[in-house]
PDB file of N, CA and C in Angstrom:
ATOM      1  N   MET A   1      56.932  18.159 -18.780  1.00  0.00           N
ATOM      2  CA  MET A   1      56.402  19.263 -18.195  1.00  0.00           C
ATOM      3  C   MET A   1      55.331  18.915 -18.171  1.00  0.00           C
ATOM      4  N   LYS A   2      55.134  18.860 -19.764  1.00  0.00           N
ATOM      5  CA  LYS A   2      53.215  18.044 -20.589  1.00  0.00           C
ATOM      6  C   LYS A   2      53.447  16.851 -19.412  1.00  0.00           C
ATOM      7  N   THR A   3      54.497  15.883 -19.687  1.00  0.00           N
ATOM      8  CA  THR A   3      53.953  14.608 -19.511  1.00  0.00           C
ATOM      9  C   THR A   3      53.469  14.181 -17.965  1.00  0.00           C
ATOM     10  N   LYS A   4      54.221  14.956 -16.463  1.00  0.00           N
ATOM     11  CA  LYS A   4      53.601  15.299 -15.597  1.00  0.00           C
ATOM     12  C   LYS A   4      52.143  15.398 -15.545  1.00  0.00           C
ATOM     13  N   TYR A   5      51.328  16.721 -16.206  1.00  0.00           N
ATOM     14  CA  TYR A   5      49.988  16.945 -16.481  1.00  0.00           C
ATOM     15  C   TYR A   5      49.749  15.719 -16.900  1.00  0.00           C
ATOM     16  N   VAL A   6      49.698  15.335 -18.137  1.00  0.00           N
ATOM     17  CA  VAL A   6      48.816  13.986 -18.284  1.00  0.00           C
ATOM     18  C   VAL A   6      48.934  13.647 -17.502  1.00  0.00           C
ATOM     19  N   ILE A   7      50.286  12.599 -16.894  1.00  0.00           N
ATOM     20  CA  ILE A   7      50.265  11.577 -15.828  1.00  0.00           C
ATOM     21  C   ILE A   7      48.792  11.790 -14.706  1.00  0.00           C
ATOM     22  N   GLY A   8      49.122  12.780 -13.901  1.00  0.00           N
ATOM     23  CA  GLY A   8      48.391  13.500 -13.289  1.00  0.00           C
ATOM     24  C   GLY A   8      46.506  13.674 -13.584  1.00  0.00           C
ATOM     25  N   LEU A   9      46.612  13.978 -14.678  1.00  0.00           N
ATOM     26  CA  LEU A   9      45.134  14.259 -14.895  1.00  0.00           C
ATOM     27  C   LEU A   9      44.583  12.835 -15.185  1.00  0.00           C
ATOM     28  N   LEU A  10      45.065  12.432 -15.740  1.00  0.00           N
ATOM     29  CA  LEU A  10      45.026  10.426 -15.986  1.00  0.00           C
ATOM     30  C   LEU A  10      44.962   9.790 -14.500  1.00  0.00           C
ATOM     31  N   SER A  11      45.753  10.838 -13.765  1.00  0.00           N
ATOM     32  CA  SER A  11      44.877   9.755 -12.292  1.00  0.00           C
ATOM     33  C   SER A  11      44.168  10.331 -12.035  1.00  0.00           C
ATOM     34  N   LEU A  12      43.931  11.099 -12.036  1.00  0.00           N
ATOM     35  CA  LEU A  12      42.623  11.944 -11.434  1.00  0.00           C
ATOM     36  C   LEU A  12      41.864  11.594 -11.915  1.00  0.00           C
ATOM     37  N   PHE A  13      41.353  11.107 -13.226  1.00  0.00           N
ATOM     38  CA  PHE A  13      40.642  10.741 -14.023  1.00  0.00           C
ATOM     39  C   PHE A  13      40.540   9.101 -13.252  1.00  0.00           C
ATOM     40  N   ALA A  14      41.021   8.358 -12.848  1.00  0.00           N
ATOM     41  CA  ALA A  14      41.104   7.165 -12.580  1.00  0.00           C
ATOM     42  C   ALA A  14      40.497   7.383 -10.949  1.00  0.00           C
ATOM     43  N   VAL A  15      40.685   7.717 -10.241  1.00  0.00           N
ATOM     44  CA  VAL A  15      40.244   8.219  -9.396  1.00  0.00           C
ATOM     45  C   VAL A  15      38.719   8.594  -9.112  1.00  0.00           C
ATOM     46  N   VAL A  16      38.607   9.588  -9.809  1.00  0.00           N
ATOM     47  CA  VAL A  16      37.131   9.567 -10.239  1.00  0.00           C
ATOM     48  C   VAL A  16      36.606   8.760 -10.761  1.00  0.00           C
ATOM     49  N   VAL A  17      37.011   8.196 -11.474  1.00  0.00           N
ATOM     50  CA  VAL A  17      36.638   6.675 -11.593  1.00  0.00           C
ATOM     51  C   VAL A  17      35.883   5.397 -10.286  1.00  0.00           C
ATOM     52  N   ILE A  18      37.315   5.815 -10.009  1.00  0.00           N
ATOM     53  CA  ILE A  18      37.017   4.148  -9.397  1.00  0.00           C
ATOM     54  C   ILE A  18      35.879   4.533  -7.938  1.00  0.00           C
ATOM     55  N   LEU A  19      35.876   6.368  -7.384  1.00  0.00           N
ATOM     56  CA  LEU A  19      35.112   6.896  -6.353  1.00  0.00           C
ATOM     57  C   LEU A  19      33.640   6.468  -6.834  1.00  0.00           C
ATOM     58  N   LEU A  20      33.353   7.139  -8.249  1.00  0.00           N
ATOM     59  CA  LEU A  20      32.203   7.024  -8.363  1.00  0.00           C
ATOM     60  C   LEU A  20      31.424   5.424  -8.885  1.00  0.00           C
ATOM     61  N   THR A  21      32.578   4.571  -9.411  1.00  0.00           N
ATOM     62  CA  THR A  21      32.074   3.131  -9.372  1.00  0.00           C
ATOM     63  C   THR A  21      31.682   2.367  -7.973  1.00  0.00           C
ATOM     64  N   ALA A  22      32.972   3.210  -6.489  1.00  0.00           N
ATOM     65  CA  ALA A  22      32.076   2.367  -5.174  1.00  0.00           C
ATOM     66  C   ALA A  22      30.606   3.390  -4.927  1.00  0.00           C
ATOM     67  N   GLY A  23      31.047   3.932  -5.348  1.00  0.00           N
ATOM     68  CA  GLY A  23      29.375   5.054  -4.880  1.00  0.00           C
ATOM     69  C   GLY A  23      28.115   4.668  -5.585  1.00  0.00           C
ATOM     70  N   TYR A  24      28.508   3.515  -6.819  1.00  0.00           N
ATOM     71  CA  TYR A  24      27.262   3.299  -7.587  1.00  0.00           C
ATOM     72  C   TYR A  24      27.039   1.771  -6.465  1.00  0.00           C
ATOM     73  N   GLN A  25      28.257   1.044  -7.008  1.00  0.00           N
ATOM     74  CA  GLN A  25      28.113  -0.485  -6.189  1.00  0.00           C
ATOM     75  C   GLN A  25      26.991  -0.131  -4.611  1.00  0.00           C
ATOM     76  N   ILE A  26      27.961   0.970  -3.706  1.00  0.00           N
ATOM     77  CA  ILE A  26      27.272   0.471  -2.049  1.00  0.00           C
ATOM     78  C   ILE A  26      25.524   1.432  -2.635  1.00  0.00           C
ATOM     79  N   SER A  27      24.915   2.349  -3.576  1.00  0.00           N
ATOM     80  CA  SER A  27      24.292   2.534  -3.454  1.00  0.00           C
ATOM     81  C   SER A  27      23.138   1.744  -4.320  1.00  0.00           C
ATOM     82  N   TYR A  28      23.270   0.792  -4.826  1.00  0.00           N
ATOM     83  CA  TYR A  28      23.115  -0.716  -5.650  1.00  0.00           C
ATOM     84  C   TYR A  28      22.664  -1.965  -4.591  1.00  0.00           C
ATOM     85  N   ARG A  29      23.670  -2.139  -3.672  1.00  0.00           N
ATOM     86  CA  ARG A  29      23.407  -2.430  -2.614  1.00  0.00           C
ATOM     87  C   ARG A  29      22.278  -2.095  -1.408  1.00  0.00           C
ATOM     88  N   HIS A  30      22.387  -0.982  -1.379  1.00  0.00           N
ATOM     89  CA  HIS A  30      21.231  -0.403  -0.021  1.00  0.00           C
ATOM     90  C   HIS A  30      19.969  -0.938  -1.108  1.00  0.00           C
ATOM     91  N   VAL A  31      20.077  -0.471  -2.181  1.00  0.00           N
ATOM     92  CA  VAL A  31      18.265  -0.267  -3.353  1.00  0.00           C
ATOM     93  C   VAL A  31      17.894  -2.181  -3.234  1.00  0.00           C
ATOM     94  N   MET A  32      19.459  -3.047  -3.250  1.00  0.00           N
ATOM     95  CA  MET A  32      18.601  -4.281  -3.346  1.00  0.00           C
ATOM     96  C   MET A  32      18.361  -4.867  -2.334  1.00  0.00           C
ATOM     97  N   ASP A  33      19.212  -4.705  -1.314  1.00  0.00           N
ATOM     98  CA  ASP A  33      18.695  -4.710   0.277  1.00  0.00           C
ATOM     99  C   ASP A  33      17.564  -4.110   0.708  1.00  0.00           C
ATOM    100  N   ARG A  34      16.545  -3.342   0.137  1.00  0.00           N
ATOM    101  CA  ARG A  34      15.541  -2.652   0.233  1.00  0.00           C
ATOM    102  C   ARG A  34      14.127  -3.064   0.424  1.00  0.00           C
ATOM    103  N   GLN A  35      14.799  -3.788  -1.337  1.00  0.00           N
ATOM    104  CA  GLN A  35      13.781  -4.554  -1.611  1.00  0.00           C
ATOM    105  C   GLN A  35      13.220  -5.558  -1.597  1.00  0.00           C
ATOM    106  N   ALA A  36      14.471  -6.356  -0.837  1.00  0.00           N
ATOM    107  CA  ALA A  36      14.375  -7.823  -0.231  1.00  0.00           C
ATOM    108  C   ALA A  36      13.452  -7.486   0.967  1.00  0.00           C
ATOM    109  N   ALA A  37      14.103  -6.710   1.758  1.00  0.00           N
ATOM    110  CA  ALA A  37      12.663  -6.828   2.788  1.00  0.00           C
ATOM    111  C   ALA A  37      11.825  -6.385   2.300  1.00  0.00           C
ATOM    112  N   GLY A  38      11.227  -5.247   1.815  1.00  0.00           N
ATOM    113  CA  GLY A  38       9.941  -5.206   1.393  1.00  0.00           C
ATOM    114  C   GLY A  38       9.266  -6.333   0.838  1.00  0.00           C
ATOM    115  N   ALA A  39      10.094  -7.008   0.142  1.00  0.00           N
ATOM    116  CA  ALA A  39       9.840  -8.047  -0.775  1.00  0.00           C
ATOM    117  C   ALA A  39       9.282  -9.294   0.893  1.00  0.00           C
ATOM    118  N   GLU A  40       9.895  -9.030   1.689  1.00  0.00           N
ATOM    119  CA  GLU A  40       9.957 -10.408   2.795  1.00  0.00           C
ATOM    120  C   GLU A  40       8.246  -9.974   3.539  1.00  0.00           C
ATOM    121  N   GLU A  41       8.860  -8.725   3.704  1.00  0.00           N
ATOM    122  CA  GLU A  41       7.449  -7.507   4.491  1.00  0.00           C
ATOM    123  C   GLU A  41       5.989  -8.432   3.852  1.00  0.00           C
ATOM    124  N   GLU A  42       5.858  -7.812   2.542  1.00  0.00           N
ATOM    125  CA  GLU A  42       5.265  -8.147   1.697  1.00  0.00           C
ATOM    126  C   GLU A  42       4.645  -9.179   1.473  1.00  0.00           C
ATOM    127  N   SER A  43       5.476 -10.983   1.926  1.00  0.00           N
ATOM    128  CA  SER A  43       4.895 -11.553   1.525  1.00  0.00           C
ATOM    129  C   SER A  43       4.124 -12.561   2.662  1.00  0.00           C
ATOM    130  N   ALA A  44       5.084 -11.776   3.966  1.00  0.00           N
ATOM    131  CA  ALA A  44       4.632 -12.444   5.215  1.00  0.00           C
ATOM    132  C   ALA A  44       2.442 -11.311   4.830  1.00  0.00           C
ATOM    133  N   THR A  45       2.077  -9.945   5.162  1.00  0.00           N
ATOM    134  CA  THR A  45       1.702  -9.343   5.058  1.00  0.00           C
ATOM    135  C   THR A  45       0.703 -10.286   4.335  1.00  0.00           C
ATOM    136  N   GLU A  46       1.256 -11.179   2.688  1.00  0.00           N
ATOM    137  CA  GLU A  46       0.083 -11.593   2.085  1.00  0.00           C
ATOM    138  C   GLU A  46      -0.214 -13.150   2.605  1.00  0.00           C
ATOM    139  N   SER A  47       0.509 -13.603   3.339  1.00  0.00           N
ATOM    140  CA  SER A  47      -0.411 -14.706   3.454  1.00  0.00           C
ATOM    141  C   SER A  47      -0.544 -14.897   4.668  1.00  0.00           C
ATOM    142  N   ILE A  48      -0.627 -13.597   5.435  1.00  0.00           N
ATOM    143  CA  ILE A  48      -1.244 -13.638   7.039  1.00  0.00           C
ATOM    144  C   ILE A  48      -2.695 -13.822   6.284  1.00  0.00           C
ATOM    145  N   ALA A  49      -3.199 -12.085   5.048  1.00  0.00           N
ATOM    146  CA  ALA A  49      -4.120 -12.000   4.547  1.00  0.00           C
ATOM    147  C   ALA A  49      -4.772 -13.536   3.491  1.00  0.00           C
ATOM    148  N   ALA A  50      -4.257 -14.053   3.449  1.00  0.00           N
ATOM    149  CA  ALA A  50      -4.654 -15.473   2.814  1.00  0.00           C
ATOM    150  C   ALA A  50      -5.395 -16.591   3.651  1.00  0.00           C
ATOM    151  N   GLU A  51      -4.703 -16.173   4.107  1.00  0.00           N
ATOM    152  CA  GLU A  51      -5.809 -17.115   5.924  1.00  0.00           C
ATOM    153  C   GLU A  51      -6.369 -16.327   6.152  1.00  0.00           C
ATOM    154  N   GLY A  52      -6.589 -15.242   6.567  1.00  0.00           N
ATOM    155  CA  GLY A  52      -7.552 -14.612   6.384  1.00  0.00           C
ATOM    156  C   GLY A  52      -8.171 -14.451   6.016  1.00  0.00           C
ATOM    157  N   GLU A  53      -8.399 -14.276   4.767  1.00  0.00           N
ATOM    158  CA  GLU A  53      -9.292 -14.940   4.032  1.00  0.00           C
ATOM    159  C   GLU A  53      -9.879 -16.231   3.679  1.00  0.00           C
ATOM    160  N   ALA A  54      -9.244 -16.967   3.604  1.00  0.00           N
ATOM    161  CA  ALA A  54      -9.822 -18.361   3.706  1.00  0.00           C
ATOM    162  C   ALA A  54     -10.919 -18.754   5.227  1.00  0.00           C
ATOM    163  N   VAL A  55     -10.273 -18.371   6.254  1.00  0.00           N
ATOM    164  CA  VAL A  55     -11.620 -18.739   7.156  1.00  0.00           C
ATOM    165  C   VAL A  55     -12.398 -17.838   7.280  1.00  0.00           C
ATOM    166  N   ASN A  56     -13.075 -16.246   6.771  1.00  0.00           N
ATOM    167  CA  ASN A  56     -13.771 -15.558   6.597  1.00  0.00           C
ATOM    168  C   ASN A  56     -14.376 -15.971   4.886  1.00  0.00           C
ATOM    169  N   GLU A  57     -13.981 -16.351   4.210  1.00  0.00           N
ATOM    170  CA  GLU A  57     -14.853 -16.871   2.806  1.00  0.00           C
ATOM    171  C   GLU A  57     -16.812 -17.261   3.447  1.00  0.00           C
ATOM    172  N   GLU A  58     -16.542 -17.985   4.366  1.00  0.00           N
ATOM    173  CA  GLU A  58     -17.958 -18.795   4.483  1.00  0.00           C
ATOM    174  C   GLU A  58     -18.617 -17.763   5.037  1.00  0.00           C
ATOM    175  N   LYS A  59     -18.187 -17.229   6.176  1.00  0.00           N
ATOM    176  CA  LYS A  59     -18.747 -16.041   6.549  1.00  0.00           C
ATOM    177  C   LYS A  59     -19.105 -14.856   5.851  1.00  0.00           C
ATOM    178  N   GLU A  60     -18.540 -14.090   4.850  1.00  0.00           N
ATOM    179  CA  GLU A  60     -18.901 -13.433   3.510  1.00  0.00           C
ATOM    180  C   GLU A  60     -19.740 -14.006   3.105  1.00  0.00           C
ATOM    181  N   LYS A  61     -19.799 -15.278   2.450  1.00  0.00           N
ATOM    182  CA  LYS A  61     -21.055 -15.954   1.728  1.00  0.00           C
ATOM    183  C   LYS A  61     -21.908 -15.809   2.276  1.00  0.00           C
ATOM    184  N   GLU A  62     -22.208 -15.817   4.021  1.00  0.00           N
ATOM    185  CA  GLU A  62     -23.581 -15.659   4.116  1.00  0.00           C
ATOM    186  C   GLU A  62     -24.043 -14.524   5.055  1.00  0.00           C
ATOM    187  N   SER A  63     -22.533 -13.543   5.041  1.00  0.00           N
ATOM    188  CA  SER A  63     -23.484 -12.512   6.033  1.00  0.00           C
ATOM    189  C   SER A  63     -22.952 -11.045   4.630  1.00  0.00           C
ATOM    190  N   GLY A  64     -22.623  -9.773   5.064  1.00  0.00           N
ATOM    191  CA  GLY A  64     -22.531  -8.623   4.446  1.00  0.00           C
ATOM    192  C   GLY A  64     -21.589  -7.711   5.026  1.00  0.00           C
ATOM    193  N   TYR A  65     -21.692  -6.750   4.382  1.00  0.00           N
ATOM    194  CA  TYR A  65     -21.191  -5.603   4.961  1.00  0.00           C
ATOM    195  C   TYR A  65     -21.893  -3.904   5.364  1.00  0.00           C
ATOM    196  N   TRP A  66     -20.545  -3.492   5.894  1.00  0.00           N
ATOM    197  CA  TRP A  66     -21.412  -2.442   6.996  1.00  0.00           C
ATOM    198  C   TRP A  66     -20.296  -1.262   6.612  1.00  0.00           C
ATOM    199  N   LEU A  67     -20.674  -0.228   6.411  1.00  0.00           N
ATOM    200  CA  LEU A  67     -19.851   0.637   5.986  1.00  0.00           C
ATOM    201  C   LEU A  67     -20.211   1.813   6.613  1.00  0.00           C
ATOM    202  N   CYS A  68     -18.852   2.185   8.048  1.00  0.00           N
ATOM    203  CA  CYS A  68     -18.863   3.499   8.788  1.00  0.00           C
ATOM    204  C   CYS A  68     -17.912   4.044   8.542  1.00  0.00           C
ATOM    205  N   GLN A  69     -18.037   5.250   9.667  1.00  0.00           N
ATOM    206  CA  GLN A  69     -17.081   6.383   9.633  1.00  0.00           C
ATOM    207  C   GLN A  69     -15.832   5.569  10.740  1.00  0.00           C
ATOM    208  N   LEU A  70     -14.941   6.204   9.945  1.00  0.00           N
ATOM    209  CA  LEU A  70     -13.900   5.786  11.034  1.00  0.00           C
ATOM    210  C   LEU A  70     -12.295   6.745  10.954  1.00  0.00           C
ATOM    211  N   GLN A  71     -12.746   7.866  12.081  1.00  0.00           N
ATOM    212  CA  GLN A  71     -11.698   8.426  11.664  1.00  0.00           C
ATOM    213  C   GLN A  71     -11.965   9.780  10.249  1.00  0.00           C
ATOM    214  N   GLY A  72     -12.997   9.903  10.248  1.00  0.00           N
ATOM    215  CA  GLY A  72     -13.501  10.579   8.551  1.00  0.00           C
ATOM    216  C   GLY A  72     -12.759   9.809   7.866  1.00  0.00           C
ATOM    217  N   TYR A  73     -12.935   8.937   7.426  1.00  0.00           N
ATOM    218  CA  TYR A  73     -12.771   7.651   6.422  1.00  0.00           C
ATOM    219  C   TYR A  73     -13.511   6.770   6.267  1.00  0.00           C
ATOM    220  N   VAL A  74     -13.740   5.777   5.473  1.00  0.00           N
ATOM    221  CA  VAL A  74     -15.534   5.347   4.943  1.00  0.00           C
ATOM    222  C   VAL A  74     -14.308   4.019   5.395  1.00  0.00           C
ATOM    223  N   ALA A  75     -14.603   3.489   6.274  1.00  0.00           N
ATOM    224  CA  ALA A  75     -14.124   1.586   7.027  1.00  0.00           C
ATOM    225  C   ALA A  75     -15.064   0.878   6.945  1.00  0.00           C
ATOM    226  N   VAL A  76     -14.528  -0.298   5.801  1.00  0.00           N
ATOM    227  CA  VAL A  76     -15.459  -1.496   5.658  1.00  0.00           C
ATOM    228  C   VAL A  76     -15.936  -2.392   6.824  1.00  0.00           C
ATOM    229  N   TYR A  77     -16.642  -2.798   7.341  1.00  0.00           N
ATOM    230  CA  TYR A  77     -16.884  -3.639   8.260  1.00  0.00           C
ATOM    231  C   TYR A  77     -17.449  -4.853   8.306  1.00  0.00           C
ATOM    232  N   LEU A  78     -16.976  -6.088   9.084  1.00  0.00           N
ATOM    233  CA  LEU A  78     -17.631  -7.465   8.981  1.00  0.00           C
ATOM    234  C   LEU A  78     -18.906  -7.030   8.818  1.00  0.00           C
ATOM    235  N   ASP A  79     -20.033  -8.404   8.946  1.00  0.00           N
ATOM    236  CA  ASP A  79     -21.463  -8.277   9.433  1.00  0.00           C
ATOM    237  C   ASP A  79     -21.350  -8.067  10.985  1.00  0.00           C
ATOM    238  N   ASP A  80     -20.358  -8.467  11.638  1.00  0.00           N
ATOM    239  CA  ASP A  80     -20.519  -8.284  12.649  1.00  0.00           C
ATOM    240  C   ASP A  80     -20.707  -7.170  13.477  1.00  0.00           C
ATOM    241  N   ARG A  81     -20.292  -6.485  12.562  1.00  0.00           N
ATOM    242  CA  ARG A  81     -19.629  -4.548  12.717  1.00  0.00           C
ATOM    243  C   ARG A  81     -18.800  -4.002  13.443  1.00  0.00           C
ATOM    244  N   ALA A  82     -17.921  -5.566  14.277  1.00  0.00           N
ATOM    245  CA  ALA A  82     -16.726  -4.993  15.482  1.00  0.00           C
ATOM    246  C   ALA A  82     -15.210  -5.864  14.003  1.00  0.00           C
ATOM    247  N   THR A  83     -15.513  -6.466  13.277  1.00  0.00           N
ATOM    248  CA  THR A  83     -13.926  -6.555  12.464  1.00  0.00           C
ATOM    249  C   THR A  83     -14.075  -5.765  11.434  1.00  0.00           C
ATOM    250  N   ILE A  84     -12.709  -5.204  11.408  1.00  0.00           N
ATOM    251  CA  ILE A  84     -12.306  -4.576   9.980  1.00  0.00           C
ATOM    252  C   ILE A  84     -12.057  -5.218   8.846  1.00  0.00           C
ATOM    253  N   TYR A  85     -12.930  -5.311   7.553  1.00  0.00           N
ATOM    254  CA  TYR A  85     -12.894  -6.181   6.163  1.00  0.00           C
ATOM    255  C   TYR A  85     -11.699  -5.302   5.507  1.00  0.00           C
ATOM    256  N   GLU A  86     -11.386  -3.961   5.138  1.00  0.00           N
ATOM    257  CA  GLU A  86     -11.260  -2.902   4.520  1.00  0.00           C
ATOM    258  C   GLU A  86     -10.988  -1.481   5.524  1.00  0.00           C
ATOM    259  N   LEU A  87      -9.928  -1.215   5.175  1.00  0.00           N
ATOM    260  CA  LEU A  87      -9.922   0.607   5.189  1.00  0.00           C
ATOM    261  C   LEU A  87      -9.977   1.416   4.088  1.00  0.00           C
ATOM    262  N   THR A  88     -11.094   2.141   3.860  1.00  0.00           N
ATOM    263  CA  THR A  88     -10.267   2.937   2.767  1.00  0.00           C
ATOM    264  C   THR A  88      -9.946   3.906   2.458  1.00  0.00           C
ATOM    265  N   ASP A  89      -9.276   4.615   1.418  1.00  0.00           N
ATOM    266  CA  ASP A  89      -8.663   6.780   1.443  1.00  0.00           C
ATOM    267  C   ASP A  89      -9.355   6.874   0.826  1.00  0.00           C
ATOM    268  N   ILE A  90     -11.016   7.278   1.277  1.00  0.00           N
ATOM    269  CA  ILE A  90     -12.240   7.123   0.368  1.00  0.00           C
ATOM    270  C   ILE A  90     -12.423   8.715   2.201  1.00  0.00           C
ATOM    271  N   LEU A  91     -12.693   9.827   1.731  1.00  0.00           N
ATOM    272  CA  LEU A  91     -13.017  11.002   3.145  1.00  0.00           C
ATOM    273  C   LEU A  91     -14.024  11.073   3.108  1.00  0.00           C
ATOM    274  N   LEU A  92     -15.291  10.862   4.184  1.00  0.00           N
ATOM    275  CA  LEU A  92     -16.625  10.880   4.188  1.00  0.00           C
ATOM    276  C   LEU A  92     -17.013  12.674   3.961  1.00  0.00           C
ATOM    277  N   THR A  93     -16.327  13.584   4.283  1.00  0.00           N
ATOM    278  CA  THR A  93     -16.437  14.735   4.087  1.00  0.00           C
ATOM    279  C   THR A  93     -16.375  15.392   1.769  1.00  0.00           C
ATOM    280  N   ASP A  94     -16.090  13.596   0.924  1.00  0.00           N
ATOM    281  CA  ASP A  94     -16.305  14.040   0.184  1.00  0.00           C
ATOM    282  C   ASP A  94     -17.216  12.938  -0.748  1.00  0.00           C
ATOM    283  N   LEU A  95     -17.957  13.223  -0.031  1.00  0.00           N
ATOM    284  CA  LEU A  95     -19.271  12.065  -0.553  1.00  0.00           C
ATOM    285  C   LEU A  95     -20.621  12.867  -0.420  1.00  0.00           C
ATOM    286  N   PRO A  96     -21.095  12.720  -0.591  1.00  0.00           N
ATOM    287  CA  PRO A  96     -22.382  13.175  -1.099  1.00  0.00           C
ATOM    288  C   PRO A  96     -23.194  13.739   0.224  1.00  0.00           C
ATOM    289  N   LYS A  97     -24.336  14.513   1.251  1.00  0.00           N
ATOM    290  CA  LYS A  97     -24.766  14.447   1.950  1.00  0.00           C
ATOM    291  C   LYS A  97     -25.231  13.566   2.527  1.00  0.00           C
ATOM    292  N   GLU A  98     -26.355  12.618   0.887  1.00  0.00           N
ATOM    293  CA  GLU A  98     -26.865  11.909   2.256  1.00  0.00           C
ATOM    294  C   GLU A  98     -26.148  10.437   2.348  1.00  0.00           C
ATOM    295  N   VAL A  99     -25.486  10.251   1.667  1.00  0.00           N
ATOM    296  CA  VAL A  99     -24.495   9.019   1.575  1.00  0.00           C
ATOM    297  C   VAL A  99     -23.743   9.598   2.517  1.00  0.00           C
ATOM    298  N   GLN A 100     -23.352  10.427   2.999  1.00  0.00           N
ATOM    299  CA  GLN A 100     -22.222  10.607   4.841  1.00  0.00           C
ATOM    300  C   GLN A 100     -23.095  10.599   5.263  1.00  0.00           C
ATOM    301  N   GLN A 101     -25.074  11.228   5.347  1.00  0.00           N
ATOM    302  CA  GLN A 101     -25.737  10.562   6.393  1.00  0.00           C
ATOM    303  C   GLN A 101     -25.987   9.003   6.866  1.00  0.00           C
ATOM    304  N   GLU A 102     -26.119   8.137   5.622  1.00  0.00           N
ATOM    305  CA  GLU A 102     -26.288   6.671   5.326  1.00  0.00           C
ATOM    306  C   GLU A 102     -25.142   5.775   5.931  1.00  0.00           C
ATOM    307  N   ILE A 103     -23.616   6.885   5.379  1.00  0.00           N
ATOM    308  CA  ILE A 103     -22.788   6.093   5.864  1.00  0.00           C
ATOM    309  C   ILE A 103     -22.517   6.017   8.083  1.00  0.00           C
ATOM    310  N   ALA A 104     -22.819   7.457   8.439  1.00  0.00           N
ATOM    311  CA  ALA A 104     -22.624   7.768   9.507  1.00  0.00           C
ATOM    312  C   ALA A 104     -23.457   6.912  10.230  1.00  0.00           C
ATOM    313  N   ASP A 105     -24.635   6.552   9.985  1.00  0.00           N
ATOM    314  CA  ASP A 105     -25.588   5.783  10.633  1.00  0.00           C
ATOM    315  C   ASP A 105     -25.708   4.727  10.347  1.00  0.00           C
ATOM    316  N   GLY A 106     -24.729   3.936   9.515  1.00  0.00           N
ATOM    317  CA  GLY A 106     -23.861   2.823   9.200  1.00  0.00           C
ATOM    318  C   GLY A 106     -24.665   2.382   8.204  1.00  0.00           C
ATOM    319  N   LYS A 107     -24.243   1.721   7.214  1.00  0.00           N
ATOM    320  CA  LYS A 107     -25.110   1.441   5.428  1.00  0.00           C
ATOM    321  C   LYS A 107     -24.603  -0.212   5.744  1.00  0.00           C
ATOM    322  N   TYR A 108     -26.154  -1.169   5.336  1.00  0.00           N
ATOM    323  CA  TYR A 108     -25.310  -2.116   5.571  1.00  0.00           C
ATOM    324  C   TYR A 108     -25.117  -2.398   3.659  1.00  0.00           C
ATOM    325  N   ILE A 109     -24.122  -3.523   3.494  1.00  0.00           N
ATOM    326  CA  ILE A 109     -24.699  -3.605   1.930  1.00  0.00           C
ATOM    327  C   ILE A 109     -23.591  -5.404   2.128  1.00  0.00           C
ATOM    328  N   SER A 110     -24.663  -5.934   1.123  1.00  0.00           N
ATOM    329  CA  SER A 110     -24.918  -7.423   1.140  1.00  0.00           C
ATOM    330  C   SER A 110     -24.160  -8.117  -0.052  1.00  0.00           C
ATOM    331  N   THR A 111     -23.073  -8.256  -0.720  1.00  0.00           N
ATOM    332  CA  THR A 111     -22.694  -8.603  -1.903  1.00  0.00           C
ATOM    333  C   THR A 111     -21.150  -8.198  -1.376  1.00  0.00           C
ATOM    334  N   ALA A 112     -20.479  -8.646  -2.171  1.00  0.00           N
ATOM    335  CA  ALA A 112     -18.989  -8.480  -2.454  1.00  0.00           C
ATOM    336  C   ALA A 112     -18.957  -7.585  -3.360  1.00  0.00           C
ATOM    337  N   GLU A 113     -20.133  -7.764  -4.696  1.00  0.00           N
ATOM    338  CA  GLU A 113     -19.933  -7.015  -5.481  1.00  0.00           C
ATOM    339  C   GLU A 113     -20.263  -5.590  -5.647  1.00  0.00           C
ATOM    340  N   GLU A 114     -21.110  -5.891  -4.540  1.00  0.00           N
ATOM    341  CA  GLU A 114     -22.256  -4.411  -4.529  1.00  0.00           C
ATOM    342  C   GLU A 114     -21.333  -3.578  -3.797  1.00  0.00           C
ATOM    343  N   LEU A 115     -20.569  -3.916  -3.024  1.00  0.00           N
ATOM    344  CA  LEU A 115     -19.283  -3.590  -1.939  1.00  0.00           C
ATOM    345  C   LEU A 115     -18.614  -3.044  -3.108  1.00  0.00           C
ATOM    346  N   TYR A 116     -17.806  -3.612  -3.943  1.00  0.00           N
ATOM    347  CA  TYR A 116     -17.206  -3.340  -4.658  1.00  0.00           C
ATOM    348  C   TYR A 116     -17.222  -2.255  -5.240  1.00  0.00           C
ATOM    349  N   ALA A 117     -18.364  -2.338  -6.606  1.00  0.00           N
ATOM    350  CA  ALA A 117     -18.584  -1.514  -6.937  1.00  0.00           C
ATOM    351  C   ALA A 117     -18.847   0.289  -6.589  1.00  0.00           C
ATOM    352  N   PHE A 118     -20.013  -0.161  -5.264  1.00  0.00           N
ATOM    353  CA  PHE A 118     -19.288   1.238  -4.452  1.00  0.00           C
ATOM    354  C   PHE A 118     -18.301   1.692  -4.228  1.00  0.00           C
ATOM    355  N   LEU A 119     -16.947   1.786  -3.974  1.00  0.00           N
ATOM    356  CA  LEU A 119     -16.110   1.726  -3.420  1.00  0.00           C
ATOM    357  C   LEU A 119     -14.970   2.270  -5.060  1.00  0.00           C
ATOM    358  N   GLU A 120     -16.059   1.734  -6.078  1.00  0.00           N
ATOM    359  CA  GLU A 120     -15.105   1.968  -7.230  1.00  0.00           C
ATOM    360  C   GLU A 120     -15.708   3.269  -7.191  1.00  0.00           C
ATOM    361  N   ASN A 121     -17.140   3.791  -7.128  1.00  0.00           N
ATOM    362  CA  ASN A 121     -17.835   4.489  -7.840  1.00  0.00           C
ATOM    363  C   ASN A 121     -16.917   6.090  -6.420  1.00  0.00           C
ATOM    364  N   TYR A 122     -16.979   5.827  -5.821  1.00  0.00           N
ATOM    365  CA  TYR A 122     -16.795   6.967  -4.500  1.00  0.00           C
ATOM    366  C   TYR A 122     -15.091   7.490  -4.291  1.00  0.00           C
ATOM    367  N   SER A 123     -14.345   7.007  -5.257  1.00  0.00           N
ATOM    368  CA  SER A 123     -12.955   6.316  -4.758  1.00  0.00           C
ATOM    369  C   SER A 123     -11.944   7.681  -5.450  1.00  0.00           C
ATOM    370  N   SER A 124     -11.429   8.497  -5.190  1.00  0.00           N
ATOM    371  CA  SER A 124     -10.823   9.520  -5.794  1.00  0.00           C
ATOM    372  C   SER A 124     -10.223   7.657  -7.372  1.00  0.00           C
TER     373      SER A 124
END
């Protein structure tokens, strides 16, 4: 009788191990597929950004940037004030009143260094 219980327990243990292994393999494949899809999407985004940067580098050297309000956040526009250069996660209401007013009117920044210094100071 004891042998039947031992064989039954070993069989149950083997089934549990097989199910756990299968579950691990399925979840591992799912994670790897998601990472591969994300890497493909990121590389496509990077190549587009690289082309855009190459085209806009000459314009950036000649012109500055405008900080404006866009749906309650600070947005950076190129010198033409129509092309969005960067969308930030800086809420306009988190800024001091004087800076809020400057951005509401359109704050001009002449160089990329000044722009990133401003964004660094006010980002969380």
